[in-house]
Amino acid sequence: MLFGKHKMTPVLSPRKSVEGGIGGLVGAGLLGVIFALVFREHLTVFAHPVWMLGIIGVVGGAISMVGDLTASAIKRNYEIKDYGTLIPGHGGILDRFDSVIITAPLVYYLILLLQMVG
């Protein structure tokens, strides 16, 4: 919120900014690269693990944002503030996992595709 001046989706999620989204994608890519550099000798699945995990991080981050915004759209359409009250202030259990529900299977298939390509 400190750097975010341009709203990403003001109706769905007013506190998300384009700058925050870009920062999240860069951070996810860098985290993938750092992970690959640290565990390179154990990552025998890919020919070029540093590049592959960087790509997986960026694409996974983008898919995660789409998953989160999709869940927000569903809540807005049904005029629901939170999915539950089990965790106060967090919008319910589904809000903790809304992006993972979409991200996990798509990243799995991305990994399979990247294994075939490189």
PDB file of N, CA and C in Angstrom:
ATOM      1  N   MET A   1       0.813  -1.194   0.000  1.00  0.00           N
ATOM      2  CA  MET A   1       0.000   0.000   0.000  1.00  0.00           C
ATOM      3  C   MET A   1       0.858   1.260   0.000  1.00  0.00           C
ATOM      4  N   LEU A   2       2.116   1.121   0.410  1.00  0.00           N
ATOM      5  CA  LEU A   2       3.005   2.276   0.454  1.00  0.00           C
ATOM      6  C   LEU A   2       3.333   2.786  -0.953  1.00  0.00           C
ATOM      7  N   PHE A   3       3.552   1.848  -1.891  1.00  0.00           N
ATOM      8  CA  PHE A   3       3.943   2.231  -3.241  1.00  0.00           C
ATOM      9  C   PHE A   3       2.793   2.176  -4.228  1.00  0.00           C
ATOM     10  N   GLY A   4       1.705   1.501  -3.886  1.00  0.00           N
ATOM     11  CA  GLY A   4       0.614   1.273  -4.818  1.00  0.00           C
ATOM     12  C   GLY A   4      -0.238   2.501  -5.068  1.00  0.00           C
ATOM     13  N   LYS A   5      -0.156   3.030  -6.258  1.00  0.00           N
ATOM     14  CA  LYS A   5      -0.945   4.210  -6.619  1.00  0.00           C
ATOM     15  C   LYS A   5      -2.074   3.869  -7.582  1.00  0.00           C
ATOM     16  N   HIS A   6      -1.928   2.774  -8.332  1.00  0.00           N
ATOM     17  CA  HIS A   6      -2.910   2.414  -9.346  1.00  0.00           C
ATOM     18  C   HIS A   6      -3.698   1.185  -8.887  1.00  0.00           C
ATOM     19  N   LYS A   7      -4.983   1.344  -8.710  1.00  0.00           N
ATOM     20  CA  LYS A   7      -5.838   0.250  -8.252  1.00  0.00           C
ATOM     21  C   LYS A   7      -5.905  -0.834  -9.318  1.00  0.00           C
ATOM     22  N   MET A   8      -5.761  -2.085  -8.886  1.00  0.00           N
ATOM     23  CA  MET A   8      -5.822  -3.198  -9.817  1.00  0.00           C
ATOM     24  C   MET A   8      -7.275  -3.487 -10.215  1.00  0.00           C
ATOM     25  N   THR A   9      -8.101  -3.722  -9.226  1.00  0.00           N
ATOM     26  CA  THR A   9      -9.526  -3.993  -9.451  1.00  0.00           C
ATOM     27  C   THR A   9     -10.312  -3.309  -8.338  1.00  0.00           C
ATOM     28  N   PRO A  10     -10.627  -2.035  -8.497  1.00  0.00           N
ATOM     29  CA  PRO A  10     -11.237  -1.273  -7.409  1.00  0.00           C
ATOM     30  C   PRO A  10     -12.565  -1.845  -6.910  1.00  0.00           C
ATOM     31  N   VAL A  11     -13.331  -2.457  -7.787  1.00  0.00           N
ATOM     32  CA  VAL A  11     -14.630  -2.997  -7.366  1.00  0.00           C
ATOM     33  C   VAL A  11     -14.460  -4.307  -6.611  1.00  0.00           C
ATOM     34  N   LEU A  12     -13.625  -5.199  -7.124  1.00  0.00           N
ATOM     35  CA  LEU A  12     -13.452  -6.513  -6.501  1.00  0.00           C
ATOM     36  C   LEU A  12     -12.608  -6.470  -5.240  1.00  0.00           C
ATOM     37  N   SER A  13     -11.489  -5.807  -5.321  1.00  0.00           N
ATOM     38  CA  SER A  13     -10.549  -5.788  -4.207  1.00  0.00           C
ATOM     39  C   SER A  13      -9.868  -4.422  -4.167  1.00  0.00           C
ATOM     40  N   PRO A  14     -10.481  -3.458  -3.496  1.00  0.00           N
ATOM     41  CA  PRO A  14     -10.008  -2.075  -3.554  1.00  0.00           C
ATOM     42  C   PRO A  14      -8.620  -1.828  -2.979  1.00  0.00           C
ATOM     43  N   ARG A  15      -8.105  -2.727  -2.172  1.00  0.00           N
ATOM     44  CA  ARG A  15      -6.799  -2.491  -1.554  1.00  0.00           C
ATOM     45  C   ARG A  15      -5.640  -3.067  -2.366  1.00  0.00           C
ATOM     46  N   LYS A  16      -5.933  -3.757  -3.466  1.00  0.00           N
ATOM     47  CA  LYS A  16      -4.872  -4.317  -4.303  1.00  0.00           C
ATOM     48  C   LYS A  16      -4.465  -3.294  -5.366  1.00  0.00           C
ATOM     49  N   SER A  17      -3.143  -3.172  -5.555  1.00  0.00           N
ATOM     50  CA  SER A  17      -2.638  -2.219  -6.543  1.00  0.00           C
ATOM     51  C   SER A  17      -1.843  -2.950  -7.627  1.00  0.00           C
ATOM     52  N   VAL A  18      -1.718  -2.292  -8.758  1.00  0.00           N
ATOM     53  CA  VAL A  18      -0.920  -2.827  -9.858  1.00  0.00           C
ATOM     54  C   VAL A  18       0.536  -2.971  -9.408  1.00  0.00           C
ATOM     55  N   GLU A  19       1.025  -1.974  -8.696  1.00  0.00           N
ATOM     56  CA  GLU A  19       2.410  -2.018  -8.219  1.00  0.00           C
ATOM     57  C   GLU A  19       2.628  -3.185  -7.258  1.00  0.00           C
ATOM     58  N   GLY A  20       1.661  -3.438  -6.400  1.00  0.00           N
ATOM     59  CA  GLY A  20       1.755  -4.578  -5.485  1.00  0.00           C
ATOM     60  C   GLY A  20       1.738  -5.895  -6.232  1.00  0.00           C
ATOM     61  N   GLY A  21       0.920  -5.975  -7.270  1.00  0.00           N
ATOM     62  CA  GLY A  21       0.865  -7.184  -8.084  1.00  0.00           C
ATOM     63  C   GLY A  21       2.187  -7.451  -8.783  1.00  0.00           C
ATOM     64  N   ILE A  22       2.771  -6.407  -9.351  1.00  0.00           N
ATOM     65  CA  ILE A  22       4.069  -6.552 -10.017  1.00  0.00           C
ATOM     66  C   ILE A  22       5.143  -6.946  -9.002  1.00  0.00           C
ATOM     67  N   GLY A  23       5.129  -6.300  -7.837  1.00  0.00           N
ATOM     68  CA  GLY A  23       6.084  -6.652  -6.782  1.00  0.00           C
ATOM     69  C   GLY A  23       5.923  -8.101  -6.336  1.00  0.00           C
ATOM     70  N   GLY A  24       4.688  -8.560  -6.252  1.00  0.00           N
ATOM     71  CA  GLY A  24       4.434  -9.951  -5.878  1.00  0.00           C
ATOM     72  C   GLY A  24       4.966 -10.926  -6.909  1.00  0.00           C
ATOM     73  N   LEU A  25       4.789 -10.602  -8.189  1.00  0.00           N
ATOM     74  CA  LEU A  25       5.292 -11.480  -9.254  1.00  0.00           C
ATOM     75  C   LEU A  25       6.816 -11.511  -9.272  1.00  0.00           C
ATOM     76  N   VAL A  26       7.440 -10.342  -9.113  1.00  0.00           N
ATOM     77  CA  VAL A  26       8.904 -10.283  -9.065  1.00  0.00           C
ATOM     78  C   VAL A  26       9.414 -11.056  -7.848  1.00  0.00           C
ATOM     79  N   GLY A  27       8.757 -10.876  -6.707  1.00  0.00           N
ATOM     80  CA  GLY A  27       9.158 -11.591  -5.499  1.00  0.00           C
ATOM     81  C   GLY A  27       9.015 -13.097  -5.632  1.00  0.00           C
ATOM     82  N   ALA A  28       7.924 -13.547  -6.241  1.00  0.00           N
ATOM     83  CA  ALA A  28       7.713 -14.986  -6.429  1.00  0.00           C
ATOM     84  C   ALA A  28       8.765 -15.563  -7.370  1.00  0.00           C
ATOM     85  N   GLY A  29       9.087 -14.820  -8.425  1.00  0.00           N
ATOM     86  CA  GLY A  29      10.124 -15.280  -9.350  1.00  0.00           C
ATOM     87  C   GLY A  29      11.486 -15.350  -8.686  1.00  0.00           C
ATOM     88  N   LEU A  30      11.821 -14.318  -7.915  1.00  0.00           N
ATOM     89  CA  LEU A  30      13.107 -14.308  -7.201  1.00  0.00           C
ATOM     90  C   LEU A  30      13.188 -15.421  -6.162  1.00  0.00           C
ATOM     91  N   LEU A  31      12.091 -15.672  -5.483  1.00  0.00           N
ATOM     92  CA  LEU A  31      12.079 -16.756  -4.498  1.00  0.00           C
ATOM     93  C   LEU A  31      12.315 -18.097  -5.175  1.00  0.00           C
ATOM     94  N   GLY A  32      11.698 -18.298  -6.353  1.00  0.00           N
ATOM     95  CA  GLY A  32      11.944 -19.526  -7.109  1.00  0.00           C
ATOM     96  C   GLY A  32      13.397 -19.662  -7.513  1.00  0.00           C
ATOM     97  N   VAL A  33      13.996 -18.572  -7.963  1.00  0.00           N
ATOM     98  CA  VAL A  33      15.402 -18.580  -8.378  1.00  0.00           C
ATOM     99  C   VAL A  33      16.308 -18.864  -7.179  1.00  0.00           C
ATOM    100  N   ILE A  34      16.054 -18.211  -6.065  1.00  0.00           N
ATOM    101  CA  ILE A  34      16.875 -18.433  -4.861  1.00  0.00           C
ATOM    102  C   ILE A  34      16.750 -19.879  -4.393  1.00  0.00           C
ATOM    103  N   PHE A  35      15.532 -20.400  -4.386  1.00  0.00           N
ATOM    104  CA  PHE A  35      15.324 -21.799  -3.997  1.00  0.00           C
ATOM    105  C   PHE A  35      16.120 -22.719  -4.913  1.00  0.00           C
ATOM    106  N   ALA A  36      16.069 -22.466  -6.211  1.00  0.00           N
ATOM    107  CA  ALA A  36      16.800 -23.302  -7.162  1.00  0.00           C
ATOM    108  C   ALA A  36      18.306 -23.201  -6.961  1.00  0.00           C
ATOM    109  N   LEU A  37      18.801 -22.018  -6.651  1.00  0.00           N
ATOM    110  CA  LEU A  37      20.238 -21.863  -6.415  1.00  0.00           C
ATOM    111  C   LEU A  37      20.688 -22.604  -5.161  1.00  0.00           C
ATOM    112  N   VAL A  38      19.862 -22.593  -4.139  1.00  0.00           N
ATOM    113  CA  VAL A  38      20.224 -23.267  -2.882  1.00  0.00           C
ATOM    114  C   VAL A  38      20.153 -24.782  -3.034  1.00  0.00           C
ATOM    115  N   PHE A  39      19.132 -25.277  -3.736  1.00  0.00           N
ATOM    116  CA  PHE A  39      18.914 -26.719  -3.830  1.00  0.00           C
ATOM    117  C   PHE A  39      19.190 -27.271  -5.230  1.00  0.00           C
ATOM    118  N   ARG A  40      20.052 -26.613  -5.969  1.00  0.00           N
ATOM    119  CA  ARG A  40      20.323 -26.983  -7.362  1.00  0.00           C
ATOM    120  C   ARG A  40      20.710 -28.454  -7.526  1.00  0.00           C
ATOM    121  N   GLU A  41      21.571 -28.968  -6.672  1.00  0.00           N
ATOM    122  CA  GLU A  41      22.038 -30.357  -6.832  1.00  0.00           C
ATOM    123  C   GLU A  41      20.939 -31.386  -6.589  1.00  0.00           C
ATOM    124  N   HIS A  42      19.872 -30.983  -5.929  1.00  0.00           N
ATOM    125  CA  HIS A  42      18.762 -31.903  -5.665  1.00  0.00           C
ATOM    126  C   HIS A  42      17.638 -31.779  -6.688  1.00  0.00           C
ATOM    127  N   LEU A  43      17.694 -30.776  -7.543  1.00  0.00           N
ATOM    128  CA  LEU A  43      16.641 -30.532  -8.526  1.00  0.00           C
ATOM    129  C   LEU A  43      17.033 -31.133  -9.869  1.00  0.00           C
ATOM    130  N   THR A  44      16.963 -32.436  -9.941  1.00  0.00           N
ATOM    131  CA  THR A  44      17.372 -33.131 -11.161  1.00  0.00           C
ATOM    132  C   THR A  44      16.232 -33.286 -12.162  1.00  0.00           C
ATOM    133  N   VAL A  45      15.067 -32.808 -11.822  1.00  0.00           N
ATOM    134  CA  VAL A  45      13.905 -32.937 -12.700  1.00  0.00           C
ATOM    135  C   VAL A  45      14.041 -32.029 -13.913  1.00  0.00           C
ATOM    136  N   PHE A  46      14.658 -30.860 -13.720  1.00  0.00           N
ATOM    137  CA  PHE A  46      14.797 -29.879 -14.792  1.00  0.00           C
ATOM    138  C   PHE A  46      16.246 -29.792 -15.261  1.00  0.00           C
ATOM    139  N   ALA A  47      16.409 -29.539 -16.549  1.00  0.00           N
ATOM    140  CA  ALA A  47      17.750 -29.329 -17.095  1.00  0.00           C
ATOM    141  C   ALA A  47      18.321 -27.995 -16.611  1.00  0.00           C
ATOM    142  N   HIS A  48      17.453 -26.984 -16.498  1.00  0.00           N
ATOM    143  CA  HIS A  48      17.855 -25.643 -16.048  1.00  0.00           C
ATOM    144  C   HIS A  48      16.953 -25.233 -14.888  1.00  0.00           C
ATOM    145  N   PRO A  49      17.211 -25.734 -13.681  1.00  0.00           N
ATOM    146  CA  PRO A  49      16.285 -25.503 -12.565  1.00  0.00           C
ATOM    147  C   PRO A  49      16.130 -24.035 -12.165  1.00  0.00           C
ATOM    148  N   VAL A  50      17.178 -23.228 -12.321  1.00  0.00           N
ATOM    149  CA  VAL A  50      17.087 -21.828 -11.901  1.00  0.00           C
ATOM    150  C   VAL A  50      16.051 -21.104 -12.760  1.00  0.00           C
ATOM    151  N   TRP A  51      16.135 -21.265 -14.065  1.00  0.00           N
ATOM    152  CA  TRP A  51      15.165 -20.610 -14.954  1.00  0.00           C
ATOM    153  C   TRP A  51      13.776 -21.188 -14.775  1.00  0.00           C
ATOM    154  N   MET A  52      13.702 -22.501 -14.674  1.00  0.00           N
ATOM    155  CA  MET A  52      12.395 -23.160 -14.580  1.00  0.00           C
ATOM    156  C   MET A  52      11.657 -22.749 -13.300  1.00  0.00           C
ATOM    157  N   LEU A  53      12.341 -22.731 -12.168  1.00  0.00           N
ATOM    158  CA  LEU A  53      11.672 -22.351 -10.925  1.00  0.00           C
ATOM    159  C   LEU A  53      11.354 -20.862 -10.892  1.00  0.00           C
ATOM    160  N   GLY A  54      12.146 -20.049 -11.571  1.00  0.00           N
ATOM    161  CA  GLY A  54      11.803 -18.630 -11.707  1.00  0.00           C
ATOM    162  C   GLY A  54      10.513 -18.465 -12.494  1.00  0.00           C
ATOM    163  N   ILE A  55      10.393 -19.209 -13.586  1.00  0.00           N
ATOM    164  CA  ILE A  55       9.177 -19.167 -14.405  1.00  0.00           C
ATOM    165  C   ILE A  55       7.984 -19.676 -13.619  1.00  0.00           C
ATOM    166  N   ILE A  56       8.171 -20.778 -12.921  1.00  0.00           N
ATOM    167  CA  ILE A  56       7.082 -21.350 -12.118  1.00  0.00           C
ATOM    168  C   ILE A  56       6.637 -20.354 -11.044  1.00  0.00           C
ATOM    169  N   GLY A  57       7.576 -19.660 -10.432  1.00  0.00           N
ATOM    170  CA  GLY A  57       7.232 -18.665  -9.417  1.00  0.00           C
ATOM    171  C   GLY A  57       6.389 -17.531  -9.977  1.00  0.00           C
ATOM    172  N   VAL A  58       6.796 -16.993 -11.121  1.00  0.00           N
ATOM    173  CA  VAL A  58       6.074 -15.877 -11.728  1.00  0.00           C
ATOM    174  C   VAL A  58       4.687 -16.320 -12.194  1.00  0.00           C
ATOM    175  N   VAL A  59       4.618 -17.438 -12.911  1.00  0.00           N
ATOM    176  CA  VAL A  59       3.324 -17.918 -13.411  1.00  0.00           C
ATOM    177  C   VAL A  59       2.418 -18.312 -12.244  1.00  0.00           C
ATOM    178  N   GLY A  60       2.989 -18.981 -11.251  1.00  0.00           N
ATOM    179  CA  GLY A  60       2.201 -19.347 -10.066  1.00  0.00           C
ATOM    180  C   GLY A  60       1.668 -18.126  -9.340  1.00  0.00           C
ATOM    181  N   GLY A  61       2.479 -17.079  -9.249  1.00  0.00           N
ATOM    182  CA  GLY A  61       2.023 -15.838  -8.625  1.00  0.00           C
ATOM    183  C   GLY A  61       0.876 -15.197  -9.391  1.00  0.00           C
ATOM    184  N   ALA A  62       0.965 -15.217 -10.711  1.00  0.00           N
ATOM    185  CA  ALA A  62      -0.110 -14.648 -11.537  1.00  0.00           C
ATOM    186  C   ALA A  62      -1.395 -15.456 -11.392  1.00  0.00           C
ATOM    187  N   ILE A  63      -1.270 -16.768 -11.416  1.00  0.00           N
ATOM    188  CA  ILE A  63      -2.451 -17.620 -11.253  1.00  0.00           C
ATOM    189  C   ILE A  63      -3.068 -17.413  -9.876  1.00  0.00           C
ATOM    190  N   SER A  64      -2.222 -17.245  -8.876  1.00  0.00           N
ATOM    191  CA  SER A  64      -2.702 -17.014  -7.517  1.00  0.00           C
ATOM    192  C   SER A  64      -3.525 -15.735  -7.417  1.00  0.00           C
ATOM    193  N   MET A  65      -3.065 -14.683  -8.085  1.00  0.00           N
ATOM    194  CA  MET A  65      -3.825 -13.431  -8.085  1.00  0.00           C
ATOM    195  C   MET A  65      -5.183 -13.613  -8.743  1.00  0.00           C
ATOM    196  N   VAL A  66      -5.209 -14.360  -9.844  1.00  0.00           N
ATOM    197  CA  VAL A  66      -6.476 -14.624 -10.530  1.00  0.00           C
ATOM    198  C   VAL A  66      -7.413 -15.407  -9.617  1.00  0.00           C
ATOM    199  N   GLY A  67      -6.885 -16.398  -8.908  1.00  0.00           N
ATOM    200  CA  GLY A  67      -7.703 -17.182  -7.985  1.00  0.00           C
ATOM    201  C   GLY A  67      -8.287 -16.332  -6.875  1.00  0.00           C
ATOM    202  N   ASP A  68      -7.479 -15.458  -6.323  1.00  0.00           N
ATOM    203  CA  ASP A  68      -7.942 -14.574  -5.260  1.00  0.00           C
ATOM    204  C   ASP A  68      -9.016 -13.617  -5.768  1.00  0.00           C
ATOM    205  N   LEU A  69      -8.802 -13.047  -6.939  1.00  0.00           N
ATOM    206  CA  LEU A  69      -9.781 -12.112  -7.505  1.00  0.00           C
ATOM    207  C   LEU A  69     -11.064 -12.832  -7.916  1.00  0.00           C
ATOM    208  N   THR A  70     -10.949 -14.081  -8.348  1.00  0.00           N
ATOM    209  CA  THR A  70     -12.137 -14.868  -8.684  1.00  0.00           C
ATOM    210  C   THR A  70     -12.988 -15.098  -7.444  1.00  0.00           C
ATOM    211  N   ALA A  71     -12.351 -15.457  -6.345  1.00  0.00           N
ATOM    212  CA  ALA A  71     -13.092 -15.649  -5.094  1.00  0.00           C
ATOM    213  C   ALA A  71     -13.728 -14.331  -4.643  1.00  0.00           C
ATOM    214  N   SER A  72     -13.026 -13.223  -4.831  1.00  0.00           N
ATOM    215  CA  SER A  72     -13.596 -11.917  -4.479  1.00  0.00           C
ATOM    216  C   SER A  72     -14.808 -11.606  -5.352  1.00  0.00           C
ATOM    217  N   ALA A  73     -14.735 -11.957  -6.632  1.00  0.00           N
ATOM    218  CA  ALA A  73     -15.867 -11.725  -7.536  1.00  0.00           C
ATOM    219  C   ALA A  73     -17.079 -12.541  -7.115  1.00  0.00           C
ATOM    220  N   ILE A  74     -16.857 -13.776  -6.717  1.00  0.00           N
ATOM    221  CA  ILE A  74     -17.961 -14.626  -6.258  1.00  0.00           C
ATOM    222  C   ILE A  74     -18.607 -14.016  -5.017  1.00  0.00           C
ATOM    223  N   LYS A  75     -17.780 -13.565  -4.076  1.00  0.00           N
ATOM    224  CA  LYS A  75     -18.316 -12.942  -2.864  1.00  0.00           C
ATOM    225  C   LYS A  75     -19.094 -11.672  -3.190  1.00  0.00           C
ATOM    226  N   ARG A  76     -18.587 -10.868  -4.098  1.00  0.00           N
ATOM    227  CA  ARG A  76     -19.288  -9.629  -4.472  1.00  0.00           C
ATOM    228  C   ARG A  76     -20.627  -9.933  -5.134  1.00  0.00           C
ATOM    229  N   ASN A  77     -20.657 -10.946  -6.011  1.00  0.00           N
ATOM    230  CA  ASN A  77     -21.903 -11.296  -6.704  1.00  0.00           C
ATOM    231  C   ASN A  77     -22.983 -11.784  -5.742  1.00  0.00           C
ATOM    232  N   TYR A  78     -22.556 -12.449  -4.676  1.00  0.00           N
ATOM    233  CA  TYR A  78     -23.522 -12.975  -3.707  1.00  0.00           C
ATOM    234  C   TYR A  78     -23.631 -12.104  -2.455  1.00  0.00           C
ATOM    235  N   GLU A  79     -22.974 -10.935  -2.491  1.00  0.00           N
ATOM    236  CA  GLU A  79     -22.998  -9.968  -1.400  1.00  0.00           C
ATOM    237  C   GLU A  79     -22.606 -10.593  -0.063  1.00  0.00           C
ATOM    238  N   ILE A  80     -21.509 -11.348  -0.097  1.00  0.00           N
ATOM    239  CA  ILE A  80     -20.957 -11.995   1.094  1.00  0.00           C
ATOM    240  C   ILE A  80     -19.685 -11.244   1.474  1.00  0.00           C
ATOM    241  N   LYS A  81     -19.560 -10.869   2.726  1.00  0.00           N
ATOM    242  CA  LYS A  81     -18.350 -10.179   3.180  1.00  0.00           C
ATOM    243  C   LYS A  81     -17.227 -11.188   3.414  1.00  0.00           C
ATOM    244  N   ASP A  82     -17.512 -12.255   4.130  1.00  0.00           N
ATOM    245  CA  ASP A  82     -16.531 -13.287   4.450  1.00  0.00           C
ATOM    246  C   ASP A  82     -17.157 -14.650   4.225  1.00  0.00           C
ATOM    247  N   TYR A  83     -16.301 -15.644   3.986  1.00  0.00           N
ATOM    248  CA  TYR A  83     -16.775 -17.016   3.816  1.00  0.00           C
ATOM    249  C   TYR A  83     -17.050 -17.712   5.141  1.00  0.00           C
ATOM    250  N   GLY A  84     -16.645 -17.136   6.233  1.00  0.00           N
ATOM    251  CA  GLY A  84     -16.860 -17.762   7.526  1.00  0.00           C
ATOM    252  C   GLY A  84     -16.298 -16.916   8.646  1.00  0.00           C
ATOM    253  N   THR A  85     -16.470 -17.384   9.876  1.00  0.00           N
ATOM    254  CA  THR A  85     -16.025 -16.622  11.043  1.00  0.00           C
ATOM    255  C   THR A  85     -15.085 -17.417  11.946  1.00  0.00           C
ATOM    256  N   LEU A  86     -14.586 -18.561  11.455  1.00  0.00           N
ATOM    257  CA  LEU A  86     -13.725 -19.403  12.275  1.00  0.00           C
ATOM    258  C   LEU A  86     -12.433 -18.670  12.674  1.00  0.00           C
ATOM    259  N   ILE A  87     -11.873 -17.909  11.752  1.00  0.00           N
ATOM    260  CA  ILE A  87     -10.667 -17.132  12.035  1.00  0.00           C
ATOM    261  C   ILE A  87     -11.058 -15.654  11.962  1.00  0.00           C
ATOM    262  N   PRO A  88     -11.310 -15.006  13.094  1.00  0.00           N
ATOM    263  CA  PRO A  88     -11.764 -13.614  13.075  1.00  0.00           C
ATOM    264  C   PRO A  88     -10.790 -12.684  12.337  1.00  0.00           C
ATOM    265  N   GLY A  89     -11.328 -11.842  11.484  1.00  0.00           N
ATOM    266  CA  GLY A  89     -10.521 -10.884  10.757  1.00  0.00           C
ATOM    267  C   GLY A  89      -9.849 -11.418   9.512  1.00  0.00           C
ATOM    268  N   HIS A  90     -10.042 -12.702   9.211  1.00  0.00           N
ATOM    269  CA  HIS A  90      -9.394 -13.311   8.051  1.00  0.00           C
ATOM    270  C   HIS A  90     -10.378 -13.767   6.990  1.00  0.00           C
ATOM    271  N   GLY A  91     -11.646 -13.550   7.169  1.00  0.00           N
ATOM    272  CA  GLY A  91     -12.607 -13.866   6.123  1.00  0.00           C
ATOM    273  C   GLY A  91     -12.984 -15.325   6.014  1.00  0.00           C
ATOM    274  N   GLY A  92     -12.561 -16.141   6.919  1.00  0.00           N
ATOM    275  CA  GLY A  92     -12.920 -17.551   6.877  1.00  0.00           C
ATOM    276  C   GLY A  92     -11.826 -18.417   6.287  1.00  0.00           C
ATOM    277  N   ILE A  93     -11.995 -19.720   6.436  1.00  0.00           N
ATOM    278  CA  ILE A  93     -10.995 -20.681   5.976  1.00  0.00           C
ATOM    279  C   ILE A  93     -10.818 -20.609   4.457  1.00  0.00           C
ATOM    280  N   LEU A  94     -11.919 -20.512   3.719  1.00  0.00           N
ATOM    281  CA  LEU A  94     -11.814 -20.481   2.256  1.00  0.00           C
ATOM    282  C   LEU A  94     -11.004 -19.280   1.776  1.00  0.00           C
ATOM    283  N   ASP A  95     -11.064 -18.170   2.476  1.00  0.00           N
ATOM    284  CA  ASP A  95     -10.266 -17.001   2.093  1.00  0.00           C
ATOM    285  C   ASP A  95      -8.770 -17.262   2.243  1.00  0.00           C
ATOM    286  N   ARG A  96      -8.382 -18.161   3.105  1.00  0.00           N
ATOM    287  CA  ARG A  96      -6.969 -18.502   3.267  1.00  0.00           C
ATOM    288  C   ARG A  96      -6.484 -19.377   2.123  1.00  0.00           C
ATOM    289  N   PHE A  97      -7.401 -20.087   1.456  1.00  0.00           N
ATOM    290  CA  PHE A  97      -7.006 -21.061   0.443  1.00  0.00           C
ATOM    291  C   PHE A  97      -7.582 -20.789  -0.940  1.00  0.00           C
ATOM    292  N   ASP A  98      -8.271 -19.660  -1.137  1.00  0.00           N
ATOM    293  CA  ASP A  98      -8.946 -19.429  -2.410  1.00  0.00           C
ATOM    294  C   ASP A  98      -7.990 -19.427  -3.597  1.00  0.00           C
ATOM    295  N   SER A  99      -6.830 -18.846  -3.448  1.00  0.00           N
ATOM    296  CA  SER A  99      -5.899 -18.830  -4.578  1.00  0.00           C
ATOM    297  C   SER A  99      -5.214 -20.176  -4.780  1.00  0.00           C
ATOM    298  N   VAL A 100      -5.009 -20.931  -3.691  1.00  0.00           N
ATOM    299  CA  VAL A 100      -4.349 -22.227  -3.792  1.00  0.00           C
ATOM    300  C   VAL A 100      -5.219 -23.223  -4.550  1.00  0.00           C
ATOM    301  N   ILE A 101      -6.532 -23.112  -4.414  1.00  0.00           N
ATOM    302  CA  ILE A 101      -7.449 -24.039  -5.076  1.00  0.00           C
ATOM    303  C   ILE A 101      -7.245 -24.012  -6.587  1.00  0.00           C
ATOM    304  N   ILE A 102      -6.982 -22.856  -7.141  1.00  0.00           N
ATOM    305  CA  ILE A 102      -6.745 -22.732  -8.576  1.00  0.00           C
ATOM    306  C   ILE A 102      -5.266 -22.898  -8.906  1.00  0.00           C
ATOM    307  N   THR A 103      -4.396 -22.373  -8.062  1.00  0.00           N
ATOM    308  CA  THR A 103      -2.966 -22.362  -8.351  1.00  0.00           C
ATOM    309  C   THR A 103      -2.337 -23.751  -8.338  1.00  0.00           C
ATOM    310  N   ALA A 104      -2.634 -24.552  -7.337  1.00  0.00           N
ATOM    311  CA  ALA A 104      -1.962 -25.848  -7.177  1.00  0.00           C
ATOM    312  C   ALA A 104      -2.096 -26.751  -8.408  1.00  0.00           C
ATOM    313  N   PRO A 105      -3.300 -26.993  -8.910  1.00  0.00           N
ATOM    314  CA  PRO A 105      -3.370 -27.884 -10.081  1.00  0.00           C
ATOM    315  C   PRO A 105      -2.727 -27.286 -11.341  1.00  0.00           C
ATOM    316  N   LEU A 106      -2.862 -25.980 -11.536  1.00  0.00           N
ATOM    317  CA  LEU A 106      -2.283 -25.376 -12.739  1.00  0.00           C
ATOM    318  C   LEU A 106      -0.755 -25.357 -12.683  1.00  0.00           C
ATOM    319  N   VAL A 107      -0.189 -25.128 -11.514  1.00  0.00           N
ATOM    320  CA  VAL A 107       1.273 -25.179 -11.383  1.00  0.00           C
ATOM    321  C   VAL A 107       1.768 -26.609 -11.577  1.00  0.00           C
ATOM    322  N   TYR A 108       1.010 -27.578 -11.110  1.00  0.00           N
ATOM    323  CA  TYR A 108       1.370 -28.984 -11.328  1.00  0.00           C
ATOM    324  C   TYR A 108       1.490 -29.273 -12.827  1.00  0.00           C
ATOM    325  N   TYR A 109       0.489 -28.859 -13.607  1.00  0.00           N
ATOM    326  CA  TYR A 109       0.533 -29.095 -15.044  1.00  0.00           C
ATOM    327  C   TYR A 109       1.602 -28.243 -15.726  1.00  0.00           C
ATOM    328  N   LEU A 110       1.890 -27.073 -15.201  1.00  0.00           N
ATOM    329  CA  LEU A 110       2.983 -26.262 -15.729  1.00  0.00           C
ATOM    330  C   LEU A 110       4.317 -26.981 -15.526  1.00  0.00           C
ATOM    331  N   ILE A 111       4.505 -27.582 -14.367  1.00  0.00           N
ATOM    332  CA  ILE A 111       5.737 -28.338 -14.098  1.00  0.00           C
ATOM    333  C   ILE A 111       5.866 -29.494 -15.080  1.00  0.00           C
ATOM    334  N   LEU A 112       4.768 -30.221 -15.305  1.00  0.00           N
ATOM    335  CA  LEU A 112       4.821 -31.325 -16.282  1.00  0.00           C
ATOM    336  C   LEU A 112       5.175 -30.813 -17.677  1.00  0.00           C
ATOM    337  N   LEU A 113       4.594 -29.675 -18.070  1.00  0.00           N
ATOM    338  CA  LEU A 113       4.887 -29.097 -19.373  1.00  0.00           C
ATOM    339  C   LEU A 113       6.342 -28.673 -19.462  1.00  0.00           C
ATOM    340  N   LEU A 114       6.855 -28.031 -18.434  1.00  0.00           N
ATOM    341  CA  LEU A 114       8.240 -27.577 -18.453  1.00  0.00           C
ATOM    342  C   LEU A 114       9.223 -28.758 -18.446  1.00  0.00           C
ATOM    343  N   GLN A 115       8.836 -29.872 -17.840  1.00  0.00           N
ATOM    344  CA  GLN A 115       9.683 -31.056 -17.879  1.00  0.00           C
ATOM    345  C   GLN A 115       9.787 -31.590 -19.295  1.00  0.00           C
ATOM    346  N   MET A 116       8.695 -31.547 -20.037  1.00  0.00           N
ATOM    347  CA  MET A 116       8.705 -32.032 -21.417  1.00  0.00           C
ATOM    348  C   MET A 116       9.526 -31.103 -22.316  1.00  0.00           C
ATOM    349  N   VAL A 117       9.396 -29.790 -22.088  1.00  0.00           N
ATOM    350  CA  VAL A 117      10.069 -28.811 -22.933  1.00  0.00           C
ATOM    351  C   VAL A 117      11.576 -28.768 -22.651  1.00  0.00           C
ATOM    352  N   GLY A 118      11.918 -28.730 -21.375  1.00  0.00           N
ATOM    353  CA  GLY A 118      13.332 -28.542 -21.083  1.00  0.00           C
ATOM    354  C   GLY A 118      13.805 -29.488 -20.081  1.00  0.00           C
TER     355      GLY A 118
END
